[in-house]
Amino acid sequence: MTPSGTAIQTDAGMTGPYDSVLGVRKDLILKTMITQMPVRHELAKDDVRFCALLIDADPDSGRALSVERICHRLTD
């Protein structure tokens, strides 16, 4: 957050399997990149996380008062 109250977000992460490439098993993505051959994508299933950004803003000015990163590991 800047001193003037501007909240800046470049990447909050994703909600889904953490050890993956956009939710797909990373070993399959690597195989595609190495061989340049198509591979059927399968969803990664382990270590699912919810990631977000919580911004408390002044309702009158719209300026950010606080910014909090949230990354919560979900369990089965």
PDB file of N, CA and C in Angstrom:
ATOM      1  N   MET A   1       0.861  -1.175   0.000  1.00  0.00           N
ATOM      2  CA  MET A   1       0.000   0.000   0.000  1.00  0.00           C
ATOM      3  C   MET A   1       0.901   1.230   0.000  1.00  0.00           C
ATOM      4  N   THR A   2       0.581   2.193  -0.837  1.00  0.00           N
ATOM      5  CA  THR A   2       1.385   3.407  -0.898  1.00  0.00           C
ATOM      6  C   THR A   2       0.974   4.364   0.227  1.00  0.00           C
ATOM      7  N   PRO A   3       1.824   5.340   0.557  1.00  0.00           N
ATOM      8  CA  PRO A   3       1.479   6.300   1.604  1.00  0.00           C
ATOM      9  C   PRO A   3       0.206   7.106   1.305  1.00  0.00           C
ATOM     10  N   SER A   4      -0.142   7.231   0.004  1.00  0.00           N
ATOM     11  CA  SER A   4      -1.342   7.993  -0.360  1.00  0.00           C
ATOM     12  C   SER A   4      -2.613   7.150  -0.296  1.00  0.00           C
ATOM     13  N   GLY A   5      -2.474   5.841   0.046  1.00  0.00           N
ATOM     14  CA  GLY A   5      -3.658   4.999   0.206  1.00  0.00           C
ATOM     15  C   GLY A   5      -4.037   4.206  -1.018  1.00  0.00           C
ATOM     16  N   THR A   6      -3.104   3.997  -1.924  1.00  0.00           N
ATOM     17  CA  THR A   6      -3.379   3.178  -3.095  1.00  0.00           C
ATOM     18  C   THR A   6      -2.949   1.740  -2.814  1.00  0.00           C
ATOM     19  N   ALA A   7      -3.891   0.811  -2.931  1.00  0.00           N
ATOM     20  CA  ALA A   7      -3.580  -0.608  -2.746  1.00  0.00           C
ATOM     21  C   ALA A   7      -3.055  -1.155  -4.066  1.00  0.00           C
ATOM     22  N   ILE A   8      -1.959  -1.891  -4.004  1.00  0.00           N
ATOM     23  CA  ILE A   8      -1.337  -2.432  -5.204  1.00  0.00           C
ATOM     24  C   ILE A   8      -1.324  -3.945  -5.109  1.00  0.00           C
ATOM     25  N   GLN A   9      -1.827  -4.598  -6.144  1.00  0.00           N
ATOM     26  CA  GLN A   9      -1.824  -6.060  -6.194  1.00  0.00           C
ATOM     27  C   GLN A   9      -1.220  -6.483  -7.525  1.00  0.00           C
ATOM     28  N   THR A  10      -0.146  -7.268  -7.481  1.00  0.00           N
ATOM     29  CA  THR A  10       0.433  -7.777  -8.725  1.00  0.00           C
ATOM     30  C   THR A  10      -0.006  -9.210  -8.975  1.00  0.00           C
ATOM     31  N   ASP A  11      -0.122 -10.020  -7.925  1.00  0.00           N
ATOM     32  CA  ASP A  11      -0.558 -11.404  -8.061  1.00  0.00           C
ATOM     33  C   ASP A  11      -0.946 -11.923  -6.684  1.00  0.00           C
ATOM     34  N   ALA A  12      -2.195 -12.291  -6.514  1.00  0.00           N
ATOM     35  CA  ALA A  12      -2.647 -12.819  -5.227  1.00  0.00           C
ATOM     36  C   ALA A  12      -2.525 -14.330  -5.164  1.00  0.00           C
ATOM     37  N   GLY A  13      -2.146 -14.955  -6.266  1.00  0.00           N
ATOM     38  CA  GLY A  13      -2.084 -16.407  -6.313  1.00  0.00           C
ATOM     39  C   GLY A  13      -3.377 -16.962  -6.854  1.00  0.00           C
ATOM     40  N   MET A  14      -3.555 -18.252  -6.683  1.00  0.00           N
ATOM     41  CA  MET A  14      -4.759 -18.874  -7.216  1.00  0.00           C
ATOM     42  C   MET A  14      -5.450 -19.699  -6.139  1.00  0.00           C
ATOM     43  N   THR A  15      -6.681 -20.023  -6.403  1.00  0.00           N
ATOM     44  CA  THR A  15      -7.390 -20.950  -5.551  1.00  0.00           C
ATOM     45  C   THR A  15      -7.398 -22.282  -6.270  1.00  0.00           C
ATOM     46  N   GLY A  16      -6.803 -23.284  -5.656  1.00  0.00           N
ATOM     47  CA  GLY A  16      -6.710 -24.605  -6.262  1.00  0.00           C
ATOM     48  C   GLY A  16      -5.470 -25.315  -5.772  1.00  0.00           C
ATOM     49  N   PRO A  17      -5.089 -26.409  -6.457  1.00  0.00           N
ATOM     50  CA  PRO A  17      -3.901 -27.167  -6.054  1.00  0.00           C
ATOM     51  C   PRO A  17      -2.651 -26.298  -6.137  1.00  0.00           C
ATOM     52  N   TYR A  18      -1.951 -26.161  -5.027  1.00  0.00           N
ATOM     53  CA  TYR A  18      -0.811 -25.247  -4.936  1.00  0.00           C
ATOM     54  C   TYR A  18       0.387 -25.708  -5.757  1.00  0.00           C
ATOM     55  N   ASP A  19       0.686 -26.990  -5.724  1.00  0.00           N
ATOM     56  CA  ASP A  19       1.846 -27.536  -6.425  1.00  0.00           C
ATOM     57  C   ASP A  19       1.417 -28.002  -7.813  1.00  0.00           C
ATOM     58  N   SER A  20       1.016 -27.053  -8.674  1.00  0.00           N
ATOM     59  CA  SER A  20       0.492 -27.364  -9.995  1.00  0.00           C
ATOM     60  C   SER A  20       0.775 -26.206 -10.939  1.00  0.00           C
ATOM     61  N   VAL A  21       0.402 -26.386 -12.190  1.00  0.00           N
ATOM     62  CA  VAL A  21       0.464 -25.307 -13.175  1.00  0.00           C
ATOM     63  C   VAL A  21      -0.980 -24.999 -13.544  1.00  0.00           C
ATOM     64  N   LEU A  22      -1.511 -23.940 -12.971  1.00  0.00           N
ATOM     65  CA  LEU A  22      -2.906 -23.544 -13.152  1.00  0.00           C
ATOM     66  C   LEU A  22      -3.871 -24.706 -12.906  1.00  0.00           C
ATOM     67  N   GLY A  23      -3.572 -25.499 -11.877  1.00  0.00           N
ATOM     68  CA  GLY A  23      -4.452 -26.576 -11.479  1.00  0.00           C
ATOM     69  C   GLY A  23      -4.175 -27.917 -12.142  1.00  0.00           C
ATOM     70  N   VAL A  24      -3.257 -27.954 -13.101  1.00  0.00           N
ATOM     71  CA  VAL A  24      -2.924 -29.191 -13.811  1.00  0.00           C
ATOM     72  C   VAL A  24      -1.648 -29.777 -13.222  1.00  0.00           C
ATOM     73  N   ARG A  25      -1.566 -31.131 -13.176  1.00  0.00           N
ATOM     74  CA  ARG A  25      -0.353 -31.792 -12.673  1.00  0.00           C
ATOM     75  C   ARG A  25       0.868 -31.265 -13.402  1.00  0.00           C
ATOM     76  N   LYS A  26       1.854 -30.804 -12.646  1.00  0.00           N
ATOM     77  CA  LYS A  26       3.018 -30.160 -13.254  1.00  0.00           C
ATOM     78  C   LYS A  26       3.884 -31.125 -14.053  1.00  0.00           C
ATOM     79  N   ASP A  27       3.914 -32.420 -13.691  1.00  0.00           N
ATOM     80  CA  ASP A  27       4.706 -33.375 -14.458  1.00  0.00           C
ATOM     81  C   ASP A  27       4.188 -33.501 -15.891  1.00  0.00           C
ATOM     82  N   LEU A  28       2.874 -33.394 -16.078  1.00  0.00           N
ATOM     83  CA  LEU A  28       2.305 -33.465 -17.420  1.00  0.00           C
ATOM     84  C   LEU A  28       2.627 -32.213 -18.224  1.00  0.00           C
ATOM     85  N   ILE A  29       2.595 -31.066 -17.582  1.00  0.00           N
ATOM     86  CA  ILE A  29       2.937 -29.811 -18.262  1.00  0.00           C
ATOM     87  C   ILE A  29       4.411 -29.837 -18.677  1.00  0.00           C
ATOM     88  N   LEU A  30       5.284 -30.304 -17.788  1.00  0.00           N
ATOM     89  CA  LEU A  30       6.704 -30.394 -18.117  1.00  0.00           C
ATOM     90  C   LEU A  30       6.939 -31.350 -19.284  1.00  0.00           C
ATOM     91  N   LYS A  31       6.217 -32.471 -19.305  1.00  0.00           N
ATOM     92  CA  LYS A  31       6.356 -33.421 -20.409  1.00  0.00           C
ATOM     93  C   LYS A  31       5.972 -32.772 -21.732  1.00  0.00           C
ATOM     94  N   THR A  32       4.900 -31.997 -21.742  1.00  0.00           N
ATOM     95  CA  THR A  32       4.483 -31.275 -22.947  1.00  0.00           C
ATOM     96  C   THR A  32       5.558 -30.295 -23.388  1.00  0.00           C
ATOM     97  N   MET A  33       6.126 -29.566 -22.443  1.00  0.00           N
ATOM     98  CA  MET A  33       7.149 -28.570 -22.787  1.00  0.00           C
ATOM     99  C   MET A  33       8.426 -29.229 -23.316  1.00  0.00           C
ATOM    100  N   ILE A  34       8.812 -30.354 -22.743  1.00  0.00           N
ATOM    101  CA  ILE A  34      10.054 -31.023 -23.139  1.00  0.00           C
ATOM    102  C   ILE A  34       9.911 -31.745 -24.475  1.00  0.00           C
ATOM    103  N   THR A  35       8.799 -32.459 -24.651  1.00  0.00           N
ATOM    104  CA  THR A  35       8.626 -33.256 -25.864  1.00  0.00           C
ATOM    105  C   THR A  35       7.945 -32.514 -27.006  1.00  0.00           C
ATOM    106  N   GLN A  36       7.309 -31.385 -26.693  1.00  0.00           N
ATOM    107  CA  GLN A  36       6.525 -30.631 -27.674  1.00  0.00           C
ATOM    108  C   GLN A  36       5.383 -31.461 -28.256  1.00  0.00           C
ATOM    109  N   MET A  37       4.939 -32.445 -27.493  1.00  0.00           N
ATOM    110  CA  MET A  37       3.828 -33.300 -27.903  1.00  0.00           C
ATOM    111  C   MET A  37       2.660 -33.078 -26.942  1.00  0.00           C
ATOM    112  N   PRO A  38       1.432 -33.132 -27.454  1.00  0.00           N
ATOM    113  CA  PRO A  38       0.285 -32.933 -26.564  1.00  0.00           C
ATOM    114  C   PRO A  38       0.143 -34.070 -25.563  1.00  0.00           C
ATOM    115  N   VAL A  39      -0.254 -33.724 -24.366  1.00  0.00           N
ATOM    116  CA  VAL A  39      -0.492 -34.681 -23.287  1.00  0.00           C
ATOM    117  C   VAL A  39      -1.840 -34.336 -22.672  1.00  0.00           C
ATOM    118  N   ARG A  40      -2.618 -35.336 -22.367  1.00  0.00           N
ATOM    119  CA  ARG A  40      -3.921 -35.105 -21.730  1.00  0.00           C
ATOM    120  C   ARG A  40      -3.709 -34.501 -20.340  1.00  0.00           C
ATOM    121  N   HIS A  41      -4.364 -33.400 -20.073  1.00  0.00           N
ATOM    122  CA  HIS A  41      -4.236 -32.739 -18.782  1.00  0.00           C
ATOM    123  C   HIS A  41      -5.088 -33.433 -17.726  1.00  0.00           C
ATOM    124  N   GLU A  42      -4.508 -33.594 -16.563  1.00  0.00           N
ATOM    125  CA  GLU A  42      -5.229 -34.138 -15.419  1.00  0.00           C
ATOM    126  C   GLU A  42      -5.096 -33.148 -14.267  1.00  0.00           C
ATOM    127  N   LEU A  43      -6.179 -32.971 -13.547  1.00  0.00           N
ATOM    128  CA  LEU A  43      -6.165 -32.037 -12.427  1.00  0.00           C
ATOM    129  C   LEU A  43      -5.261 -32.526 -11.312  1.00  0.00           C
ATOM    130  N   ALA A  44      -4.489 -31.607 -10.765  1.00  0.00           N
ATOM    131  CA  ALA A  44      -3.729 -31.893  -9.542  1.00  0.00           C
ATOM    132  C   ALA A  44      -4.721 -31.919  -8.392  1.00  0.00           C
ATOM    133  N   LYS A  45      -4.444 -32.715  -7.366  1.00  0.00           N
ATOM    134  CA  LYS A  45      -5.442 -32.875  -6.300  1.00  0.00           C
ATOM    135  C   LYS A  45      -4.947 -32.544  -4.913  1.00  0.00           C
ATOM    136  N   ASP A  46      -3.648 -32.474  -4.714  1.00  0.00           N
ATOM    137  CA  ASP A  46      -3.120 -32.301  -3.362  1.00  0.00           C
ATOM    138  C   ASP A  46      -2.849 -30.839  -3.027  1.00  0.00           C
ATOM    139  N   ASP A  47      -2.817 -30.559  -1.746  1.00  0.00           N
ATOM    140  CA  ASP A  47      -2.445 -29.237  -1.212  1.00  0.00           C
ATOM    141  C   ASP A  47      -3.269 -28.102  -1.820  1.00  0.00           C
ATOM    142  N   VAL A  48      -4.586 -28.212  -1.705  1.00  0.00           N
ATOM    143  CA  VAL A  48      -5.490 -27.193  -2.249  1.00  0.00           C
ATOM    144  C   VAL A  48      -5.502 -25.985  -1.322  1.00  0.00           C
ATOM    145  N   ARG A  49      -5.362 -24.809  -1.915  1.00  0.00           N
ATOM    146  CA  ARG A  49      -5.323 -23.568  -1.122  1.00  0.00           C
ATOM    147  C   ARG A  49      -6.268 -22.513  -1.685  1.00  0.00           C
ATOM    148  N   PHE A  50      -6.764 -21.691  -0.782  1.00  0.00           N
ATOM    149  CA  PHE A  50      -7.563 -20.518  -1.138  1.00  0.00           C
ATOM    150  C   PHE A  50      -6.678 -19.300  -0.922  1.00  0.00           C
ATOM    151  N   CYS A  51      -6.408 -18.553  -1.977  1.00  0.00           N
ATOM    152  CA  CYS A  51      -5.565 -17.357  -1.869  1.00  0.00           C
ATOM    153  C   CYS A  51      -6.363 -16.132  -2.324  1.00  0.00           C
ATOM    154  N   ALA A  52      -6.204 -15.046  -1.588  1.00  0.00           N
ATOM    155  CA  ALA A  52      -6.955 -13.828  -1.900  1.00  0.00           C
ATOM    156  C   ALA A  52      -6.266 -12.627  -1.273  1.00  0.00           C
ATOM    157  N   LEU A  53      -6.830 -11.478  -1.515  1.00  0.00           N
ATOM    158  CA  LEU A  53      -6.344 -10.231  -0.933  1.00  0.00           C
ATOM    159  C   LEU A  53      -7.541  -9.526  -0.302  1.00  0.00           C
ATOM    160  N   LEU A  54      -7.410  -9.130   0.955  1.00  0.00           N
ATOM    161  CA  LEU A  54      -8.477  -8.431   1.667  1.00  0.00           C
ATOM    162  C   LEU A  54      -8.056  -6.973   1.833  1.00  0.00           C
ATOM    163  N   ILE A  55      -8.842  -6.069   1.266  1.00  0.00           N
ATOM    164  CA  ILE A  55      -8.532  -4.641   1.335  1.00  0.00           C
ATOM    165  C   ILE A  55      -9.638  -3.940   2.117  1.00  0.00           C
ATOM    166  N   ASP A  56      -9.254  -3.226   3.173  1.00  0.00           N
ATOM    167  CA  ASP A  56     -10.184  -2.389   3.925  1.00  0.00           C
ATOM    168  C   ASP A  56     -10.033  -0.980   3.368  1.00  0.00           C
ATOM    169  N   ALA A  57     -11.109  -0.454   2.810  1.00  0.00           N
ATOM    170  CA  ALA A  57     -11.046   0.855   2.149  1.00  0.00           C
ATOM    171  C   ALA A  57     -11.967   1.858   2.828  1.00  0.00           C
ATOM    172  N   ASP A  58     -11.567   3.114   2.809  1.00  0.00           N
ATOM    173  CA  ASP A  58     -12.385   4.216   3.326  1.00  0.00           C
ATOM    174  C   ASP A  58     -13.545   4.422   2.356  1.00  0.00           C
ATOM    175  N   PRO A  59     -14.793   4.315   2.811  1.00  0.00           N
ATOM    176  CA  PRO A  59     -15.931   4.443   1.896  1.00  0.00           C
ATOM    177  C   PRO A  59     -16.076   5.827   1.271  1.00  0.00           C
ATOM    178  N   ASP A  60     -15.570   6.857   1.941  1.00  0.00           N
ATOM    179  CA  ASP A  60     -15.703   8.212   1.402  1.00  0.00           C
ATOM    180  C   ASP A  60     -14.646   8.524   0.351  1.00  0.00           C
ATOM    181  N   SER A  61     -13.391   8.203   0.639  1.00  0.00           N
ATOM    182  CA  SER A  61     -12.305   8.556  -0.282  1.00  0.00           C
ATOM    183  C   SER A  61     -11.949   7.421  -1.244  1.00  0.00           C
ATOM    184  N   GLY A  62     -12.295   6.177  -0.865  1.00  0.00           N
ATOM    185  CA  GLY A  62     -11.920   5.033  -1.685  1.00  0.00           C
ATOM    186  C   GLY A  62     -10.474   4.597  -1.474  1.00  0.00           C
ATOM    187  N   ARG A  63      -9.770   5.263  -0.580  1.00  0.00           N
ATOM    188  CA  ARG A  63      -8.368   4.925  -0.325  1.00  0.00           C
ATOM    189  C   ARG A  63      -8.263   3.711   0.590  1.00  0.00           C
ATOM    190  N   ALA A  64      -7.225   2.910   0.335  1.00  0.00           N
ATOM    191  CA  ALA A  64      -7.002   1.707   1.142  1.00  0.00           C
ATOM    192  C   ALA A  64      -6.521   2.096   2.534  1.00  0.00           C
ATOM    193  N   LEU A  65      -7.105   1.468   3.537  1.00  0.00           N
ATOM    194  CA  LEU A  65      -6.683   1.664   4.921  1.00  0.00           C
ATOM    195  C   LEU A  65      -5.748   0.541   5.360  1.00  0.00           C
ATOM    196  N   SER A  66      -6.002  -0.660   4.848  1.00  0.00           N
ATOM    197  CA  SER A  66      -5.131  -1.793   5.136  1.00  0.00           C
ATOM    198  C   SER A  66      -5.269  -2.836   4.033  1.00  0.00           C
ATOM    199  N   VAL A  67      -4.221  -3.635   3.884  1.00  0.00           N
ATOM    200  CA  VAL A  67      -4.200  -4.708   2.893  1.00  0.00           C
ATOM    201  C   VAL A  67      -3.689  -5.958   3.594  1.00  0.00           C
ATOM    202  N   GLU A  68      -4.401  -7.070   3.419  1.00  0.00           N
ATOM    203  CA  GLU A  68      -3.996  -8.320   4.059  1.00  0.00           C
ATOM    204  C   GLU A  68      -4.013  -9.457   3.047  1.00  0.00           C
ATOM    205  N   ARG A  69      -2.899 -10.171   2.937  1.00  0.00           N
ATOM    206  CA  ARG A  69      -2.809 -11.338   2.067  1.00  0.00           C
ATOM    207  C   ARG A  69      -3.380 -12.532   2.811  1.00  0.00           C
ATOM    208  N   ILE A  70      -4.218 -13.316   2.117  1.00  0.00           N
ATOM    209  CA  ILE A  70      -4.826 -14.495   2.719  1.00  0.00           C
ATOM    210  C   ILE A  70      -4.400 -15.711   1.892  1.00  0.00           C
ATOM    211  N   CYS A  71      -3.866 -16.712   2.550  1.00  0.00           N
ATOM    212  CA  CYS A  71      -3.559 -17.990   1.905  1.00  0.00           C
ATOM    213  C   CYS A  71      -3.916 -19.076   2.902  1.00  0.00           C
ATOM    214  N   HIS A  72      -5.020 -19.738   2.657  1.00  0.00           N
ATOM    215  CA  HIS A  72      -5.548 -20.736   3.592  1.00  0.00           C
ATOM    216  C   HIS A  72      -5.503 -22.110   2.954  1.00  0.00           C
ATOM    217  N   ARG A  73      -4.821 -23.051   3.592  1.00  0.00           N
ATOM    218  CA  ARG A  73      -4.746 -24.433   3.109  1.00  0.00           C
ATOM    219  C   ARG A  73      -6.054 -25.131   3.466  1.00  0.00           C
ATOM    220  N   LEU A  74      -6.698 -25.709   2.458  1.00  0.00           N
ATOM    221  CA  LEU A  74      -7.959 -26.420   2.657  1.00  0.00           C
ATOM    222  C   LEU A  74      -7.659 -27.884   2.959  1.00  0.00           C
ATOM    223  N   THR A  75      -8.465 -28.486   3.813  1.00  0.00           N
ATOM    224  CA  THR A  75      -8.271 -29.885   4.163  1.00  0.00           C
ATOM    225  C   THR A  75      -9.475 -30.682   3.684  1.00  0.00           C
ATOM    226  N   ASP A  76      -9.272 -31.973   3.530  1.00  0.00           N
ATOM    227  CA  ASP A  76     -10.373 -32.854   3.080  1.00  0.00           C
ATOM    228  C   ASP A  76     -11.353 -33.091   4.192  1.00  0.00           C
TER     229      ASP A  76
END
